[in-house]
Protein backbone atom coordinates (compact mmCIF):
# COMPACT_ATOMS: atom_id res chain seq x y z
CA MET A 1 138.02 466.81 122.89
CA ASP A 2 134.67 467.76 124.43
CA ILE A 3 133.85 466.31 127.83
CA PRO A 4 131.25 467.18 130.46
CA SER A 5 132.08 469.91 132.98
CA VAL A 6 133.41 469.05 136.43
CA VAL A 7 135.16 465.85 135.42
CA ARG A 8 137.63 464.19 137.79
CA PHE A 9 140.04 461.63 136.36
CA CYS A 10 141.89 459.37 138.77
CA ILE A 11 145.17 457.86 137.61
CA LEU A 12 145.70 454.95 139.97
CA VAL A 13 149.32 453.81 140.33
CA GLY A 14 149.23 450.04 140.62
CA SER A 15 152.55 449.43 142.37
CA ALA A 16 153.91 450.41 145.77
CA ARG A 17 157.47 449.51 144.80
CA PHE A 18 160.00 452.27 145.35
CA GLY A 19 162.38 452.87 142.45
CA GLY A 20 160.21 451.13 139.84
CA ASN A 21 158.92 452.32 136.48
CA THR A 22 155.24 452.62 137.35
CA ILE A 23 155.27 456.08 138.91
CA GLY A 24 157.20 457.47 135.93
CA LEU A 25 154.81 455.77 133.51
CA SER A 26 151.84 457.15 135.47
CA LYS A 27 153.26 460.67 135.24
CA TRP A 28 153.63 460.20 131.49
CA VAL A 29 149.95 459.19 131.32
CA TYR A 30 149.12 462.25 133.44
CA ASN A 31 151.03 464.58 131.09
CA GLU A 32 149.44 463.06 127.99
CA LEU A 33 145.95 463.32 129.47
CA GLN A 34 146.55 466.89 130.55
CA SER A 35 147.60 467.84 127.03
CA THR A 36 144.61 466.04 125.51
CA ILE A 37 141.62 467.33 127.46
CA ASN A 38 140.50 470.89 126.77
CA ASN A 39 138.37 471.73 129.75
CA SER A 40 139.37 474.08 132.54
CA THR A 41 136.95 472.41 134.94
CA SER A 42 138.56 468.99 134.60
CA GLU A 43 140.77 467.63 137.34
CA ILE A 44 143.39 464.88 137.21
CA CYS A 45 144.34 463.12 140.44
CA LEU A 46 147.43 460.90 140.61
CA VAL A 47 147.10 458.43 143.48
CA ASP A 48 149.68 455.85 144.50
CA PRO A 49 149.72 453.34 147.40
CA HIS A 50 151.76 455.81 149.48
CA THR A 51 149.22 458.63 149.02
CA LYS A 52 145.96 458.99 150.89
CA PRO A 53 143.18 458.14 150.42
CA HIS A 54 144.66 454.97 148.87
CA PRO A 55 143.95 452.13 151.34
CA VAL A 56 146.80 449.97 152.61
CA THR A 57 144.95 447.59 154.93
CA PRO A 58 142.96 444.58 153.69
CA VAL A 59 139.20 444.20 154.01
CA LEU A 60 138.28 444.51 157.70
CA ASP A 61 134.51 444.31 157.47
CA ASN A 62 132.62 441.25 158.70
CA THR A 63 130.66 441.12 155.44
CA SER A 64 131.61 441.37 151.79
CA PRO A 65 131.85 444.92 150.37
CA ALA A 66 129.10 443.81 147.98
CA MET A 67 126.78 443.75 150.99
CA ILE A 68 127.62 447.33 152.00
CA LYS A 69 125.69 449.96 150.04
CA ASP A 70 126.01 452.68 152.68
CA PRO A 71 129.65 453.91 152.71
CA THR A 72 129.30 455.02 156.34
CA MET A 73 128.96 451.37 157.33
CA TYR A 74 132.51 450.38 156.39
CA ALA A 75 134.43 449.31 159.50
CA SER A 76 137.53 451.33 158.62
CA GLN A 77 137.78 455.11 158.25
CA GLU A 78 140.47 454.42 155.65
CA VAL A 79 137.98 452.52 153.49
CA ARG A 80 135.28 455.14 154.08
CA ASP A 81 137.68 457.82 152.80
CA TRP A 82 138.58 455.67 149.79
CA SER A 83 134.89 455.11 149.05
CA GLN A 84 134.18 458.84 149.16
CA PHE A 85 137.09 459.57 146.85
CA ILE A 86 136.18 456.90 144.28
CA ASN A 87 132.57 458.11 144.26
CA SER A 88 133.88 461.60 143.44
CA CYS A 89 135.79 460.37 140.37
CA SER A 90 134.24 460.42 136.92
CA ALA A 91 136.69 457.87 135.50
CA MET A 92 139.68 455.72 136.41
CA ILE A 93 142.92 455.05 134.57
CA ILE A 94 144.76 452.16 136.17
CA VAL A 95 148.50 452.00 135.46
CA SER A 96 150.07 448.71 136.48
CA PRO A 97 153.28 446.77 135.97
CA GLU A 98 153.21 443.05 135.35
CA TYR A 99 154.78 441.19 138.25
CA ASN A 100 155.33 437.45 137.83
CA GLY A 101 152.57 437.10 135.27
CA GLY A 102 150.05 439.14 137.24
CA TYR A 103 149.50 442.46 138.94
CA PRO A 104 150.53 443.81 142.38
CA SER A 105 148.65 442.86 145.54
CA THR A 106 148.29 446.51 146.57
CA LEU A 107 146.19 447.13 143.46
CA LYS A 108 144.00 444.09 144.12
CA ASN A 109 143.42 445.32 147.66
CA ALA A 110 142.48 448.82 146.47
CA LEU A 111 139.85 447.24 144.23
CA ASP A 112 138.62 444.59 146.67
CA VAL A 113 137.82 446.83 149.64
CA LEU A 114 134.95 448.37 147.63
CA PHE A 115 132.24 447.04 145.34
CA TRP A 116 129.29 449.31 144.56
CA GLU A 117 131.55 452.31 144.08
CA TRP A 118 133.03 450.67 140.98
CA GLN A 119 129.71 449.95 139.29
CA ASN A 120 129.59 451.40 135.73
CA LYS A 121 132.69 453.51 136.44
CA PRO A 122 134.37 454.37 133.10
CA ALA A 123 137.91 453.01 133.17
CA ALA A 124 141.03 452.42 131.11
CA VAL A 125 144.04 450.20 131.71
CA VAL A 126 147.70 450.88 130.98
CA THR A 127 150.13 448.04 131.64
CA ALA A 128 153.89 447.70 131.35
CA GLY A 129 156.48 444.96 131.31
CA GLY A 130 159.03 443.23 129.15
CA GLY A 131 156.14 441.85 127.10
CA GLY A 132 153.87 444.83 127.56
CA GLY A 133 152.04 443.46 130.60
CA ARG A 134 149.62 441.36 128.52
CA LYS A 135 148.82 438.88 131.30
CA CYS A 136 148.41 441.70 133.80
CA ASP A 137 146.01 443.44 131.41
CA GLU A 138 143.92 440.29 130.95
CA GLN A 139 143.67 439.58 134.68
CA LEU A 140 142.83 443.17 135.54
CA ARG A 141 140.06 443.23 132.96
CA GLN A 142 138.57 440.06 134.45
CA VAL A 143 138.48 441.64 137.91
CA MET A 144 137.15 444.96 136.60
CA SER A 145 134.45 443.08 134.69
CA ALA A 146 133.44 441.30 137.90
CA LEU A 147 133.18 444.74 139.54
CA GLN A 148 131.03 445.81 136.56
CA MET A 149 133.33 448.68 135.62
CA ASP A 150 132.86 450.14 132.14
CA VAL A 151 136.31 449.41 130.69
CA VAL A 152 137.41 450.78 127.31
CA GLU A 153 138.28 448.26 124.62
CA GLN A 154 141.57 449.90 123.64
CA ARG A 155 144.52 448.20 125.30
CA VAL A 156 147.69 450.14 126.12
CA GLN A 157 150.50 447.67 126.70
CA VAL A 158 153.92 449.30 127.04
CA ARG A 159 156.90 447.07 126.26
CA LEU A 160 159.77 448.18 128.45
CA PRO A 161 163.22 448.08 126.83
CA LYS A 162 165.63 445.74 128.58
CA GLU A 163 167.57 448.58 130.19
CA TYR A 164 164.40 449.49 132.12
CA THR A 165 163.97 445.98 133.51
CA TYR A 166 167.56 444.71 133.87
CA THR A 167 169.41 447.88 134.89
CA ASN A 168 168.71 450.84 137.15
CA GLN A 169 167.37 453.00 134.31
CA ARG A 170 163.82 454.17 135.00
CA ILE A 171 161.07 456.08 133.19
CA ILE A 172 161.31 459.83 133.76
CA PRO A 173 158.76 461.62 131.52
CA SER A 174 160.23 464.36 129.30
CA GLU A 175 163.72 462.89 129.59
CA GLN A 176 165.44 462.16 126.29
CA HIS A 177 165.96 458.49 127.07
CA ASP A 178 162.20 457.95 127.41
CA THR A 179 161.49 458.67 123.76
CA PHE A 180 160.42 455.01 123.35
CA LEU A 181 157.08 456.04 124.89
CA VAL A 182 156.24 458.16 121.84
CA GLN A 183 155.24 455.03 119.91
CA TYR A 184 152.41 454.46 122.42
CA ARG A 185 151.05 458.01 122.36
CA ASP A 186 148.41 457.48 119.66
CA THR A 187 147.17 454.27 121.30
CA LEU A 188 146.96 455.98 124.67
CA ARG A 189 145.09 458.96 123.28
CA TYR A 190 142.68 456.66 121.46
CA ALA A 191 141.96 455.04 124.84
CA PHE A 192 141.40 458.54 126.29
CA GLY A 193 138.87 459.17 123.51
CA GLN A 194 136.97 455.99 124.36
CA LEU A 195 137.09 456.92 128.03
CA THR A 196 135.64 460.40 127.54
CA ASP A 197 132.94 458.94 125.30
CA LYS A 198 131.94 456.67 128.18
CA ILE A 199 131.95 459.64 130.58
CA SER A 200 129.66 461.54 128.22
CA LYS A 201 127.35 458.53 127.97
CA THR A 202 127.26 458.16 131.75
CA SER A 203 126.46 461.87 132.24
CA ARG A 204 123.44 461.57 129.92
CA GLN A 205 121.92 458.65 131.84
């Protein structure tokens, strides 16, 4: 797969919950992306709500982020750092569980503290849940559309087997009991293809 040089992918973990499936699913996405891209100058960053520069505080500015075009004007250093990081990323892959028919508040906050930084940013969505995270996917796409992100059409909705939602079993990439993820590999890689196409298009503009 040919992609422009110096490409930074950010895999954004949508949940702050300890002991959940999202971090394992995100690492699976990381491994699949790493095995798909053939470019030594590409970088993949895995960021979760417990890892800087991911913001944890809500919007602190007196005005809407849509009114702030100069990143140095954000009230919080935390948001300024997040802004700088997002601006450095060529594309985003958001991995989120579906919680109660929606998506986690930490993910909404990470999106809401910025505005202009998301404009035309190539992005993909991977959701998970007993039903594949369909409602989460729909809601996320509405928000990402409002932020004018360039989201791929391919949906990656991972249906978690009951033992992953009703017992203590969790996703651990490369473990034998996670072979159920193989059925989503082609769909995920197709989404990667759409994502890199958008990166290429953005680099030519």
